[in-house]
Amino acid sequence: HALHAFADAHPSEAALADTRLIADTLRRHAFTPAEVQRRFKVSGAPTAGPFYIGRQIDHRARASAPPPRDATDVLIQLFLLGVSLPFYTVLEALGPATLEAAARLGLVGRFGAGDGGGG
């Protein structure tokens, strides 16, 4: 299982290594349809989503969300809800290798001056 940009039919070995690292991180932190549905209190068979639509979660209007409780919350806020999080929150939850891999793949990036990233 590998992720890559559709425009790049032959991803580099580095990009494949980055996707493997991210996939391992997602598995390690139980970022699965079943776990996400459990956290959103959505019953039924696990689905890839978008199961949170219609649950009165207007993520487009939210500049922030409650502080994440754990790494799975960080992943949900970043990749499902599109919430900006402080740099060090993500770094602490996911680790530098995963954060750097996600940045190289264009999945995350710095935003604003108050990200706490120091640069």
N, C-alpha and C. Protein backbone atom coordinates (compact mmCIF):
# COMPACT_ATOMS: atom_id res chain seq x y z
N HIS A 1 0.84 -1.17 0.00
CA HIS A 1 0.00 0.00 0.00
C HIS A 1 0.89 1.23 0.00
N ALA A 2 0.77 2.05 -1.04
CA ALA A 2 1.56 3.27 -1.10
C ALA A 2 0.68 4.40 -1.60
N LEU A 3 0.96 5.57 -1.11
CA LEU A 3 0.27 6.77 -1.58
C LEU A 3 1.24 7.56 -2.44
N HIS A 4 0.73 8.12 -3.49
CA HIS A 4 1.56 9.02 -4.27
C HIS A 4 0.66 9.93 -5.10
N ALA A 5 1.23 11.00 -5.58
CA ALA A 5 0.46 11.94 -6.39
C ALA A 5 0.08 11.27 -7.71
N PHE A 6 -1.17 11.48 -8.14
CA PHE A 6 -1.60 10.88 -9.39
C PHE A 6 -0.81 11.42 -10.57
N ALA A 7 -0.28 12.62 -10.45
CA ALA A 7 0.50 13.21 -11.53
C ALA A 7 1.86 12.52 -11.66
N ASP A 8 2.28 11.80 -10.64
CA ASP A 8 3.58 11.15 -10.64
C ASP A 8 3.38 9.64 -10.71
N ALA A 9 3.37 9.11 -11.91
CA ALA A 9 3.10 7.69 -12.09
C ALA A 9 4.22 6.81 -11.52
N HIS A 10 5.41 7.37 -11.36
CA HIS A 10 6.55 6.61 -10.85
C HIS A 10 7.20 7.39 -9.71
N PRO A 11 6.64 7.25 -8.50
CA PRO A 11 7.20 7.99 -7.37
C PRO A 11 8.62 7.54 -7.06
N SER A 12 9.39 8.44 -6.52
CA SER A 12 10.78 8.13 -6.18
C SER A 12 10.82 7.18 -4.99
N GLU A 13 11.96 6.56 -4.80
CA GLU A 13 12.14 5.68 -3.63
C GLU A 13 11.99 6.47 -2.34
N ALA A 14 12.43 7.73 -2.34
CA ALA A 14 12.29 8.57 -1.15
C ALA A 14 10.82 8.83 -0.84
N ALA A 15 10.03 9.10 -1.89
CA ALA A 15 8.60 9.34 -1.68
C ALA A 15 7.91 8.06 -1.18
N LEU A 16 8.31 6.93 -1.71
CA LEU A 16 7.73 5.66 -1.25
C LEU A 16 8.11 5.39 0.21
N ALA A 17 9.34 5.71 0.57
CA ALA A 17 9.77 5.54 1.97
C ALA A 17 8.96 6.46 2.87
N ASP A 18 8.72 7.70 2.42
CA ASP A 18 7.91 8.63 3.20
C ASP A 18 6.49 8.10 3.38
N THR A 19 5.91 7.55 2.33
CA THR A 19 4.54 7.04 2.44
C THR A 19 4.48 5.84 3.37
N ARG A 20 5.51 5.00 3.34
CA ARG A 20 5.54 3.85 4.26
C ARG A 20 5.63 4.33 5.71
N LEU A 21 6.45 5.34 5.95
CA LEU A 21 6.58 5.89 7.30
C LEU A 21 5.25 6.46 7.78
N ILE A 22 4.57 7.20 6.91
CA ILE A 22 3.28 7.78 7.29
C ILE A 22 2.25 6.67 7.52
N ALA A 23 2.24 5.67 6.67
CA ALA A 23 1.30 4.55 6.85
C ALA A 23 1.56 3.85 8.18
N ASP A 24 2.82 3.65 8.54
CA ASP A 24 3.15 3.05 9.84
C ASP A 24 2.65 3.92 10.99
N THR A 25 2.79 5.23 10.85
CA THR A 25 2.32 6.16 11.88
C THR A 25 0.81 6.07 12.02
N LEU A 26 0.10 6.04 10.91
CA LEU A 26 -1.37 5.94 10.95
C LEU A 26 -1.79 4.65 11.66
N ARG A 27 -1.13 3.55 11.34
CA ARG A 27 -1.46 2.27 11.99
C ARG A 27 -1.12 2.31 13.48
N ARG A 28 0.04 2.84 13.82
CA ARG A 28 0.49 2.90 15.22
C ARG A 28 -0.49 3.69 16.09
N HIS A 29 -1.11 4.70 15.51
CA HIS A 29 -2.02 5.56 16.27
C HIS A 29 -3.49 5.24 15.99
N ALA A 30 -3.76 4.06 15.45
CA ALA A 30 -5.13 3.57 15.22
C ALA A 30 -5.98 4.56 14.42
N PHE A 31 -5.37 5.18 13.43
CA PHE A 31 -6.10 6.10 12.55
C PHE A 31 -6.79 5.25 11.48
N THR A 32 -7.87 4.60 11.90
CA THR A 32 -8.63 3.70 11.04
C THR A 32 -10.07 4.19 10.97
N PRO A 33 -10.81 3.77 9.95
CA PRO A 33 -12.23 4.16 9.90
C PRO A 33 -12.98 3.78 11.17
N ALA A 34 -12.75 2.59 11.70
CA ALA A 34 -13.47 2.15 12.90
C ALA A 34 -13.17 3.06 14.09
N GLU A 35 -11.91 3.41 14.29
CA GLU A 35 -11.55 4.26 15.43
C GLU A 35 -12.07 5.68 15.25
N VAL A 36 -11.98 6.21 14.04
CA VAL A 36 -12.48 7.56 13.80
C VAL A 36 -13.99 7.59 14.02
N GLN A 37 -14.70 6.60 13.52
CA GLN A 37 -16.15 6.53 13.73
C GLN A 37 -16.48 6.43 15.22
N ARG A 38 -15.70 5.67 15.96
CA ARG A 38 -15.93 5.56 17.40
C ARG A 38 -15.80 6.92 18.06
N ARG A 39 -14.79 7.68 17.67
CA ARG A 39 -14.57 8.99 18.28
C ARG A 39 -15.65 9.99 17.89
N PHE A 40 -16.21 9.84 16.70
CA PHE A 40 -17.31 10.72 16.27
C PHE A 40 -18.67 10.17 16.68
N LYS A 41 -18.66 9.02 17.34
CA LYS A 41 -19.89 8.37 17.79
C LYS A 41 -20.82 8.05 16.62
N VAL A 42 -20.23 7.51 15.57
CA VAL A 42 -20.98 7.10 14.38
C VAL A 42 -21.02 5.57 14.38
N SER A 43 -22.22 5.02 14.36
CA SER A 43 -22.35 3.57 14.39
C SER A 43 -22.40 3.02 12.97
N GLY A 44 -22.35 1.73 12.88
CA GLY A 44 -22.42 1.08 11.58
C GLY A 44 -21.08 0.51 11.17
N ALA A 45 -21.08 -0.12 10.01
CA ALA A 45 -19.86 -0.71 9.49
C ALA A 45 -18.82 0.37 9.22
N PRO A 46 -17.54 0.09 9.50
CA PRO A 46 -16.50 1.09 9.22
C PRO A 46 -16.51 1.49 7.74
N THR A 47 -16.39 2.77 7.53
CA THR A 47 -16.35 3.31 6.18
C THR A 47 -15.26 4.35 6.10
N ALA A 48 -14.75 4.58 4.93
CA ALA A 48 -13.69 5.58 4.76
C ALA A 48 -14.23 6.99 4.87
N GLY A 49 -15.53 7.15 4.97
CA GLY A 49 -16.12 8.48 5.14
C GLY A 49 -16.68 9.00 3.83
N PRO A 50 -17.11 10.18 3.79
CA PRO A 50 -17.07 11.23 4.82
C PRO A 50 -18.25 11.14 5.78
N PHE A 51 -18.13 10.28 6.77
CA PHE A 51 -19.22 9.99 7.69
C PHE A 51 -19.56 11.13 8.62
N TYR A 52 -18.66 12.12 8.76
CA TYR A 52 -18.95 13.20 9.70
C TYR A 52 -19.79 14.30 9.06
N ILE A 53 -20.00 14.26 7.76
CA ILE A 53 -20.83 15.26 7.11
C ILE A 53 -22.27 15.05 7.57
N GLY A 54 -22.93 16.12 7.90
CA GLY A 54 -24.29 16.04 8.39
C GLY A 54 -24.38 15.82 9.88
N ARG A 55 -23.24 15.77 10.55
CA ARG A 55 -23.24 15.58 12.00
C ARG A 55 -23.08 16.92 12.70
N GLN A 56 -23.43 18.00 12.02
CA GLN A 56 -23.36 19.35 12.55
C GLN A 56 -21.94 19.73 12.96
N ILE A 57 -20.98 19.30 12.18
CA ILE A 57 -19.59 19.68 12.37
C ILE A 57 -19.23 20.55 11.17
N ASP A 58 -19.22 21.84 11.37
CA ASP A 58 -18.87 22.75 10.28
C ASP A 58 -17.39 23.08 10.40
N HIS A 59 -16.55 22.15 9.91
CA HIS A 59 -15.11 22.33 10.06
C HIS A 59 -14.58 23.51 9.24
N ARG A 60 -15.34 23.97 8.26
CA ARG A 60 -14.86 25.10 7.45
C ARG A 60 -14.89 26.39 8.24
N ALA A 61 -15.75 26.47 9.23
CA ALA A 61 -15.88 27.70 10.00
C ALA A 61 -15.04 27.68 11.27
N ARG A 62 -14.36 26.59 11.55
CA ARG A 62 -13.61 26.47 12.79
C ARG A 62 -12.14 26.75 12.55
N ALA A 63 -11.65 27.80 13.17
CA ALA A 63 -10.22 28.08 13.08
C ALA A 63 -9.44 27.16 14.01
N SER A 64 -10.13 26.61 14.98
CA SER A 64 -9.46 25.72 15.93
C SER A 64 -10.46 24.68 16.42
N ALA A 65 -9.97 23.78 17.21
CA ALA A 65 -10.79 22.73 17.81
C ALA A 65 -10.28 22.53 19.23
N PRO A 66 -10.98 21.74 20.01
CA PRO A 66 -10.45 21.47 21.35
C PRO A 66 -9.04 20.90 21.25
N PRO A 67 -8.21 21.15 22.23
CA PRO A 67 -6.85 20.60 22.17
C PRO A 67 -6.89 19.08 21.98
N PRO A 68 -6.05 18.56 21.09
CA PRO A 68 -6.06 17.11 20.86
C PRO A 68 -5.61 16.37 22.12
N ARG A 69 -6.30 15.26 22.40
CA ARG A 69 -5.98 14.45 23.57
C ARG A 69 -4.81 13.52 23.32
N ASP A 70 -4.63 13.13 22.06
CA ASP A 70 -3.58 12.17 21.73
C ASP A 70 -3.25 12.30 20.25
N ALA A 71 -2.33 11.44 19.79
CA ALA A 71 -1.88 11.51 18.39
C ALA A 71 -3.01 11.24 17.41
N THR A 72 -3.95 10.37 17.77
CA THR A 72 -5.08 10.10 16.88
C THR A 72 -5.92 11.36 16.70
N ASP A 73 -6.13 12.11 17.78
CA ASP A 73 -6.84 13.38 17.66
C ASP A 73 -6.09 14.36 16.76
N VAL A 74 -4.77 14.38 16.87
CA VAL A 74 -3.96 15.24 16.00
C VAL A 74 -4.20 14.86 14.54
N LEU A 75 -4.16 13.57 14.23
CA LEU A 75 -4.38 13.11 12.86
C LEU A 75 -5.78 13.46 12.37
N ILE A 76 -6.78 13.28 13.22
CA ILE A 76 -8.16 13.61 12.85
C ILE A 76 -8.29 15.10 12.56
N GLN A 77 -7.74 15.92 13.45
CA GLN A 77 -7.87 17.37 13.26
C GLN A 77 -7.14 17.84 12.01
N LEU A 78 -5.95 17.31 11.76
CA LEU A 78 -5.19 17.72 10.58
C LEU A 78 -5.82 17.22 9.28
N PHE A 79 -6.08 15.92 9.21
CA PHE A 79 -6.40 15.31 7.92
C PHE A 79 -7.89 15.11 7.65
N LEU A 80 -8.73 15.13 8.65
CA LEU A 80 -10.17 15.03 8.40
C LEU A 80 -10.87 16.36 8.55
N LEU A 81 -10.49 17.13 9.56
CA LEU A 81 -11.18 18.38 9.83
C LEU A 81 -10.46 19.60 9.28
N GLY A 82 -9.21 19.44 8.89
CA GLY A 82 -8.46 20.56 8.32
C GLY A 82 -8.15 21.66 9.32
N VAL A 83 -8.00 21.29 10.58
CA VAL A 83 -7.72 22.27 11.63
C VAL A 83 -6.22 22.54 11.68
N SER A 84 -5.85 23.80 11.80
CA SER A 84 -4.45 24.15 12.01
C SER A 84 -4.09 23.91 13.47
N LEU A 85 -2.96 23.30 13.68
CA LEU A 85 -2.49 23.00 15.03
C LEU A 85 -1.10 23.61 15.23
N PRO A 86 -0.76 23.93 16.48
CA PRO A 86 0.59 24.43 16.73
C PRO A 86 1.64 23.40 16.30
N PHE A 87 2.71 23.91 15.75
CA PHE A 87 3.79 23.06 15.24
C PHE A 87 4.24 22.05 16.28
N TYR A 88 4.51 22.52 17.49
CA TYR A 88 5.05 21.61 18.51
C TYR A 88 4.04 20.57 18.97
N THR A 89 2.75 20.85 18.86
CA THR A 89 1.74 19.84 19.18
C THR A 89 1.84 18.67 18.22
N VAL A 90 1.97 18.98 16.94
CA VAL A 90 2.09 17.94 15.92
C VAL A 90 3.43 17.22 16.05
N LEU A 91 4.48 17.98 16.26
CA LEU A 91 5.81 17.38 16.41
C LEU A 91 5.85 16.40 17.57
N GLU A 92 5.30 16.79 18.70
CA GLU A 92 5.29 15.93 19.88
C GLU A 92 4.44 14.67 19.66
N ALA A 93 3.32 14.82 18.99
CA ALA A 93 2.41 13.70 18.80
C ALA A 93 2.91 12.70 17.75
N LEU A 94 3.44 13.21 16.65
CA LEU A 94 3.78 12.34 15.53
C LEU A 94 5.27 12.07 15.38
N GLY A 95 6.09 12.92 15.97
CA GLY A 95 7.54 12.75 15.86
C GLY A 95 8.11 13.47 14.66
N PRO A 96 9.38 13.82 14.73
CA PRO A 96 9.99 14.61 13.65
C PRO A 96 10.05 13.87 12.31
N ALA A 97 10.31 12.58 12.32
CA ALA A 97 10.44 11.85 11.04
C ALA A 97 9.12 11.86 10.28
N THR A 98 8.02 11.60 10.97
CA THR A 98 6.71 11.59 10.31
C THR A 98 6.34 12.99 9.85
N LEU A 99 6.59 13.99 10.68
CA LEU A 99 6.26 15.36 10.30
C LEU A 99 7.06 15.80 9.08
N GLU A 100 8.34 15.47 9.04
CA GLU A 100 9.17 15.82 7.88
C GLU A 100 8.71 15.08 6.63
N ALA A 101 8.36 13.81 6.76
CA ALA A 101 7.87 13.04 5.61
C ALA A 101 6.57 13.65 5.08
N ALA A 102 5.65 14.00 5.98
CA ALA A 102 4.39 14.61 5.56
C ALA A 102 4.63 15.94 4.86
N ALA A 103 5.59 16.71 5.35
CA ALA A 103 5.91 18.00 4.71
C ALA A 103 6.51 17.78 3.32
N ARG A 104 7.40 16.82 3.19
CA ARG A 104 8.00 16.54 1.87
C ARG A 104 6.94 16.12 0.85
N LEU A 105 5.90 15.41 1.32
CA LEU A 105 4.84 14.96 0.43
C LEU A 105 3.75 16.02 0.22
N GLY A 106 3.90 17.16 0.88
CA GLY A 106 2.93 18.24 0.72
C GLY A 106 1.66 18.05 1.52
N LEU A 107 1.69 17.19 2.54
CA LEU A 107 0.50 16.93 3.34
C LEU A 107 0.32 17.95 4.46
N VAL A 108 1.40 18.55 4.90
CA VAL A 108 1.36 19.57 5.95
C VAL A 108 2.31 20.69 5.57
N GLY A 109 2.10 21.84 6.16
CA GLY A 109 2.99 22.96 5.93
C GLY A 109 2.78 24.00 7.00
N ARG A 110 3.74 24.85 7.16
CA ARG A 110 3.65 25.92 8.16
C ARG A 110 2.68 26.97 7.68
N PHE A 111 1.95 27.54 8.64
CA PHE A 111 0.97 28.57 8.33
C PHE A 111 1.01 29.63 9.41
N GLY A 112 1.17 30.88 9.02
CA GLY A 112 1.12 31.98 9.99
C GLY A 112 2.38 32.13 10.79
N ALA A 113 2.44 33.23 11.50
CA ALA A 113 3.63 33.55 12.29
C ALA A 113 3.58 32.93 13.67
N GLY A 114 2.40 32.56 14.17
CA GLY A 114 2.28 32.07 15.52
C GLY A 114 2.28 30.57 15.63
N ASP A 115 3.02 29.87 14.77
CA ASP A 115 2.97 28.42 14.79
C ASP A 115 3.89 27.80 15.84
N GLY A 116 4.68 28.62 16.49
CA GLY A 116 5.57 28.10 17.52
C GLY A 116 6.71 27.30 16.98
N GLY A 117 6.91 27.35 15.68
CA GLY A 117 7.96 26.53 15.07
C GLY A 117 9.33 27.16 15.04
N GLY A 118 9.41 28.42 15.34
CA GLY A 118 10.71 29.05 15.39
C GLY A 118 11.38 29.23 14.06
N GLY A 119 10.59 29.30 12.97
CA GLY A 119 11.27 29.59 11.73
C GLY A 119 10.57 29.26 10.52
